[in-house]
Amino acid sequence: MRVDQGKGAVAFDNMQDRSIKGTTAWRHYDVILDAPKDATGVSFGILLAGTGEVWLSNTNFDVVGNDVPITGLGDSKVPKAPVNLDFTA
């Protein structure tokens, strides 16, 4: 999921750090991002790497309290330029 403000992304989570692998039963997954009041768009979808099938059901957008941590990168964590270009980290 990505939250846009104008031409730039201000929040992003592709679940890379908690990817779904192999054959699994139905499970509940959360993506929680801060969306500023002046956000101009929200995009969401599913990425399937390799062969197989993926299904999406019962998708909701809900407002949660500030006590619920975000799962992706918010605007304070998105670098303004490329980082780790020498691949040392």
N, C-alpha and C. Protein backbone atom coordinates (compact mmCIF):
# COMPACT_ATOMS: atom_id res chain seq x y z
N MET A 1 0.85 -1.17 0.00
CA MET A 1 0.00 0.00 0.00
C MET A 1 0.90 1.23 0.00
N ARG A 2 0.43 2.26 -0.69
CA ARG A 2 1.19 3.50 -0.76
C ARG A 2 0.21 4.66 -0.59
N VAL A 3 0.64 5.67 0.17
CA VAL A 3 -0.12 6.91 0.34
C VAL A 3 0.65 8.01 -0.35
N ASP A 4 -0.03 8.72 -1.26
CA ASP A 4 0.60 9.80 -2.02
C ASP A 4 0.09 11.15 -1.56
N GLN A 5 0.97 12.12 -1.73
CA GLN A 5 0.63 13.52 -1.47
C GLN A 5 1.24 14.29 -2.63
N GLY A 6 0.39 14.76 -3.53
CA GLY A 6 0.90 15.38 -4.75
C GLY A 6 1.56 14.33 -5.62
N LYS A 7 2.78 14.60 -6.05
CA LYS A 7 3.50 13.66 -6.91
C LYS A 7 4.42 12.72 -6.15
N GLY A 8 4.42 12.80 -4.82
CA GLY A 8 5.34 11.96 -4.05
C GLY A 8 4.62 11.04 -3.08
N ALA A 9 5.29 9.95 -2.75
CA ALA A 9 4.77 9.01 -1.75
C ALA A 9 5.18 9.49 -0.36
N VAL A 10 4.24 9.47 0.56
CA VAL A 10 4.54 9.88 1.94
C VAL A 10 4.49 8.70 2.90
N ALA A 11 3.97 7.57 2.45
CA ALA A 11 3.95 6.35 3.28
C ALA A 11 3.91 5.15 2.34
N PHE A 12 4.58 4.07 2.75
CA PHE A 12 4.70 2.91 1.87
C PHE A 12 4.93 1.64 2.69
N ASP A 13 4.25 0.57 2.33
CA ASP A 13 4.49 -0.73 2.94
C ASP A 13 4.18 -1.81 1.91
N ASN A 14 5.20 -2.55 1.48
CA ASN A 14 4.98 -3.67 0.55
C ASN A 14 5.16 -5.01 1.26
N MET A 15 5.19 -5.00 2.57
CA MET A 15 5.32 -6.21 3.40
C MET A 15 6.60 -6.99 3.11
N GLN A 16 7.61 -6.34 2.56
CA GLN A 16 8.85 -7.03 2.22
C GLN A 16 9.50 -7.66 3.45
N ASP A 17 9.37 -7.01 4.60
CA ASP A 17 9.99 -7.54 5.82
C ASP A 17 9.16 -8.64 6.47
N ARG A 18 7.99 -8.93 5.93
CA ARG A 18 7.13 -9.99 6.46
C ARG A 18 6.35 -10.64 5.31
N SER A 19 7.08 -10.99 4.27
CA SER A 19 6.46 -11.52 3.05
C SER A 19 5.78 -12.87 3.31
N ILE A 20 4.79 -13.15 2.51
CA ILE A 20 4.04 -14.40 2.57
C ILE A 20 4.73 -15.37 1.62
N LYS A 21 5.09 -16.54 2.10
CA LYS A 21 5.84 -17.50 1.28
C LYS A 21 5.16 -18.86 1.31
N GLY A 22 5.21 -19.54 0.19
CA GLY A 22 4.68 -20.89 0.11
C GLY A 22 3.17 -20.94 0.15
N THR A 23 2.65 -22.14 0.26
CA THR A 23 1.21 -22.35 0.32
C THR A 23 0.75 -22.14 1.76
N THR A 24 -0.23 -21.27 1.93
CA THR A 24 -0.74 -20.98 3.27
C THR A 24 -2.26 -20.99 3.25
N ALA A 25 -2.82 -21.22 4.41
CA ALA A 25 -4.26 -21.10 4.57
C ALA A 25 -4.61 -19.61 4.65
N TRP A 26 -5.90 -19.31 4.60
CA TRP A 26 -6.34 -17.92 4.73
C TRP A 26 -5.82 -17.36 6.04
N ARG A 27 -5.26 -16.15 5.98
CA ARG A 27 -4.77 -15.45 7.17
C ARG A 27 -5.14 -13.99 7.07
N HIS A 28 -5.16 -13.34 8.20
CA HIS A 28 -5.43 -11.91 8.28
C HIS A 28 -4.09 -11.18 8.29
N TYR A 29 -3.95 -10.17 7.45
CA TYR A 29 -2.74 -9.35 7.42
C TYR A 29 -3.15 -7.89 7.54
N ASP A 30 -2.33 -7.11 8.26
CA ASP A 30 -2.59 -5.68 8.42
C ASP A 30 -1.48 -4.88 7.78
N VAL A 31 -1.86 -3.82 7.12
CA VAL A 31 -0.93 -2.79 6.65
C VAL A 31 -1.45 -1.49 7.25
N ILE A 32 -0.61 -0.86 8.05
CA ILE A 32 -1.03 0.35 8.77
C ILE A 32 -0.09 1.48 8.40
N LEU A 33 -0.66 2.52 7.79
CA LEU A 33 0.12 3.68 7.36
C LEU A 33 -0.55 4.95 7.82
N ASP A 34 0.26 5.97 8.08
CA ASP A 34 -0.28 7.30 8.36
C ASP A 34 -0.65 7.96 7.04
N ALA A 35 -1.86 8.48 6.98
CA ALA A 35 -2.32 9.19 5.79
C ALA A 35 -2.67 10.61 6.20
N PRO A 36 -1.88 11.59 5.74
CA PRO A 36 -2.17 12.98 6.12
C PRO A 36 -3.52 13.42 5.54
N LYS A 37 -4.12 14.42 6.17
CA LYS A 37 -5.43 14.91 5.72
C LYS A 37 -5.39 15.39 4.28
N ASP A 38 -4.24 15.88 3.83
CA ASP A 38 -4.15 16.39 2.47
C ASP A 38 -3.54 15.36 1.50
N ALA A 39 -3.62 14.06 1.85
CA ALA A 39 -3.18 13.02 0.94
C ALA A 39 -4.02 13.07 -0.33
N THR A 40 -3.40 12.76 -1.44
CA THR A 40 -4.11 12.84 -2.73
C THR A 40 -4.42 11.47 -3.32
N GLY A 41 -3.91 10.41 -2.73
CA GLY A 41 -4.21 9.09 -3.26
C GLY A 41 -3.73 7.98 -2.36
N VAL A 42 -4.41 6.84 -2.46
CA VAL A 42 -4.01 5.62 -1.78
C VAL A 42 -4.05 4.50 -2.81
N SER A 43 -2.96 3.76 -2.93
CA SER A 43 -2.90 2.63 -3.86
C SER A 43 -2.61 1.37 -3.07
N PHE A 44 -3.26 0.27 -3.47
CA PHE A 44 -2.96 -1.00 -2.82
C PHE A 44 -3.08 -2.12 -3.84
N GLY A 45 -2.44 -3.22 -3.55
CA GLY A 45 -2.48 -4.35 -4.46
C GLY A 45 -1.70 -5.51 -3.91
N ILE A 46 -1.49 -6.49 -4.76
CA ILE A 46 -0.77 -7.70 -4.37
C ILE A 46 0.33 -7.95 -5.40
N LEU A 47 1.49 -8.31 -4.91
CA LEU A 47 2.61 -8.67 -5.78
C LEU A 47 2.88 -10.16 -5.59
N LEU A 48 2.86 -10.89 -6.68
CA LEU A 48 3.17 -12.32 -6.65
C LEU A 48 4.48 -12.53 -7.38
N ALA A 49 5.48 -13.02 -6.67
CA ALA A 49 6.77 -13.32 -7.28
C ALA A 49 6.80 -14.80 -7.65
N GLY A 50 7.04 -15.10 -8.90
CA GLY A 50 7.07 -16.48 -9.35
C GLY A 50 5.70 -16.97 -9.76
N THR A 51 5.54 -18.29 -9.79
CA THR A 51 4.27 -18.87 -10.23
C THR A 51 3.36 -19.08 -9.03
N GLY A 52 2.10 -19.30 -9.29
CA GLY A 52 1.15 -19.59 -8.22
C GLY A 52 -0.09 -18.74 -8.32
N GLU A 53 -0.83 -18.70 -7.25
CA GLU A 53 -2.06 -17.91 -7.17
C GLU A 53 -2.05 -17.10 -5.89
N VAL A 54 -2.70 -15.98 -5.93
CA VAL A 54 -2.87 -15.16 -4.74
C VAL A 54 -4.30 -14.62 -4.75
N TRP A 55 -4.92 -14.58 -3.60
CA TRP A 55 -6.30 -14.14 -3.48
C TRP A 55 -6.39 -13.06 -2.41
N LEU A 56 -7.31 -12.13 -2.61
CA LEU A 56 -7.55 -11.04 -1.67
C LEU A 56 -9.03 -11.00 -1.38
N SER A 57 -9.39 -10.92 -0.10
CA SER A 57 -10.79 -10.91 0.28
C SER A 57 -11.00 -10.07 1.53
N ASN A 58 -12.18 -9.50 1.66
CA ASN A 58 -12.57 -8.75 2.86
C ASN A 58 -11.61 -7.62 3.20
N THR A 59 -11.26 -6.82 2.22
CA THR A 59 -10.35 -5.70 2.42
C THR A 59 -11.09 -4.53 3.06
N ASN A 60 -10.48 -3.94 4.07
CA ASN A 60 -11.09 -2.80 4.78
C ASN A 60 -10.09 -1.67 4.91
N PHE A 61 -10.60 -0.46 4.93
CA PHE A 61 -9.82 0.71 5.30
C PHE A 61 -10.44 1.24 6.59
N ASP A 62 -9.65 1.30 7.65
CA ASP A 62 -10.15 1.73 8.95
C ASP A 62 -9.26 2.82 9.53
N VAL A 63 -9.84 3.67 10.34
CA VAL A 63 -9.09 4.67 11.10
C VAL A 63 -8.71 4.03 12.43
N VAL A 64 -7.43 4.13 12.77
CA VAL A 64 -6.95 3.59 14.04
C VAL A 64 -6.31 4.72 14.85
N GLY A 65 -6.14 4.49 16.12
CA GLY A 65 -5.55 5.49 17.01
C GLY A 65 -4.05 5.61 16.84
N ASN A 66 -3.51 6.67 17.41
CA ASN A 66 -2.05 6.90 17.35
C ASN A 66 -1.27 5.86 18.14
N ASP A 67 -1.96 5.06 18.95
CA ASP A 67 -1.29 4.02 19.73
C ASP A 67 -0.98 2.78 18.89
N VAL A 68 -1.52 2.71 17.66
CA VAL A 68 -1.27 1.57 16.77
C VAL A 68 -0.07 1.91 15.90
N PRO A 69 1.02 1.13 16.00
CA PRO A 69 2.22 1.46 15.21
C PRO A 69 2.03 1.21 13.72
N ILE A 70 2.67 2.04 12.90
CA ILE A 70 2.61 1.84 11.45
C ILE A 70 3.46 0.62 11.09
N THR A 71 3.15 0.01 9.97
CA THR A 71 3.87 -1.18 9.54
C THR A 71 4.88 -0.89 8.44
N GLY A 72 4.82 0.27 7.84
CA GLY A 72 5.70 0.59 6.73
C GLY A 72 6.49 1.84 6.98
N LEU A 73 6.96 2.42 5.90
CA LEU A 73 7.75 3.64 5.97
C LEU A 73 6.85 4.86 5.92
N GLY A 74 6.94 5.70 6.91
CA GLY A 74 6.23 6.97 6.90
C GLY A 74 7.11 8.05 6.36
N ASP A 75 6.60 9.26 6.26
CA ASP A 75 7.37 10.34 5.66
C ASP A 75 8.63 10.66 6.42
N SER A 76 8.69 10.38 7.73
CA SER A 76 9.90 10.67 8.49
C SER A 76 11.00 9.65 8.23
N LYS A 77 10.67 8.51 7.61
CA LYS A 77 11.66 7.47 7.39
C LYS A 77 12.05 7.30 5.93
N VAL A 78 11.31 7.89 5.02
CA VAL A 78 11.61 7.73 3.60
C VAL A 78 12.79 8.62 3.25
N PRO A 79 13.91 8.06 2.78
CA PRO A 79 15.06 8.88 2.45
C PRO A 79 14.75 9.82 1.28
N LYS A 80 15.38 10.97 1.29
CA LYS A 80 15.19 11.95 0.22
C LYS A 80 16.05 11.63 -1.00
N ALA A 81 17.02 10.74 -0.83
CA ALA A 81 17.92 10.35 -1.92
C ALA A 81 18.30 8.88 -1.71
N PRO A 82 18.86 8.23 -2.72
CA PRO A 82 19.28 6.83 -2.56
C PRO A 82 20.29 6.68 -1.42
N VAL A 83 20.21 5.54 -0.73
CA VAL A 83 21.12 5.26 0.37
C VAL A 83 21.78 3.91 0.15
N ASN A 84 22.90 3.68 0.81
CA ASN A 84 23.64 2.42 0.78
C ASN A 84 23.99 1.98 -0.64
N LEU A 85 24.43 2.90 -1.45
CA LEU A 85 24.76 2.59 -2.83
C LEU A 85 26.02 1.72 -2.96
N ASP A 86 26.82 1.64 -1.89
CA ASP A 86 27.99 0.75 -1.94
C ASP A 86 27.70 -0.63 -1.33
N PHE A 87 26.44 -0.87 -0.93
CA PHE A 87 25.96 -2.16 -0.45
C PHE A 87 26.77 -2.67 0.74
N THR A 88 27.12 -1.80 1.68
CA THR A 88 27.90 -2.21 2.84
C THR A 88 27.03 -2.56 4.04
N ALA A 89 25.79 -2.19 4.03
CA ALA A 89 24.94 -2.46 5.19
C ALA A 89 24.12 -3.70 5.00
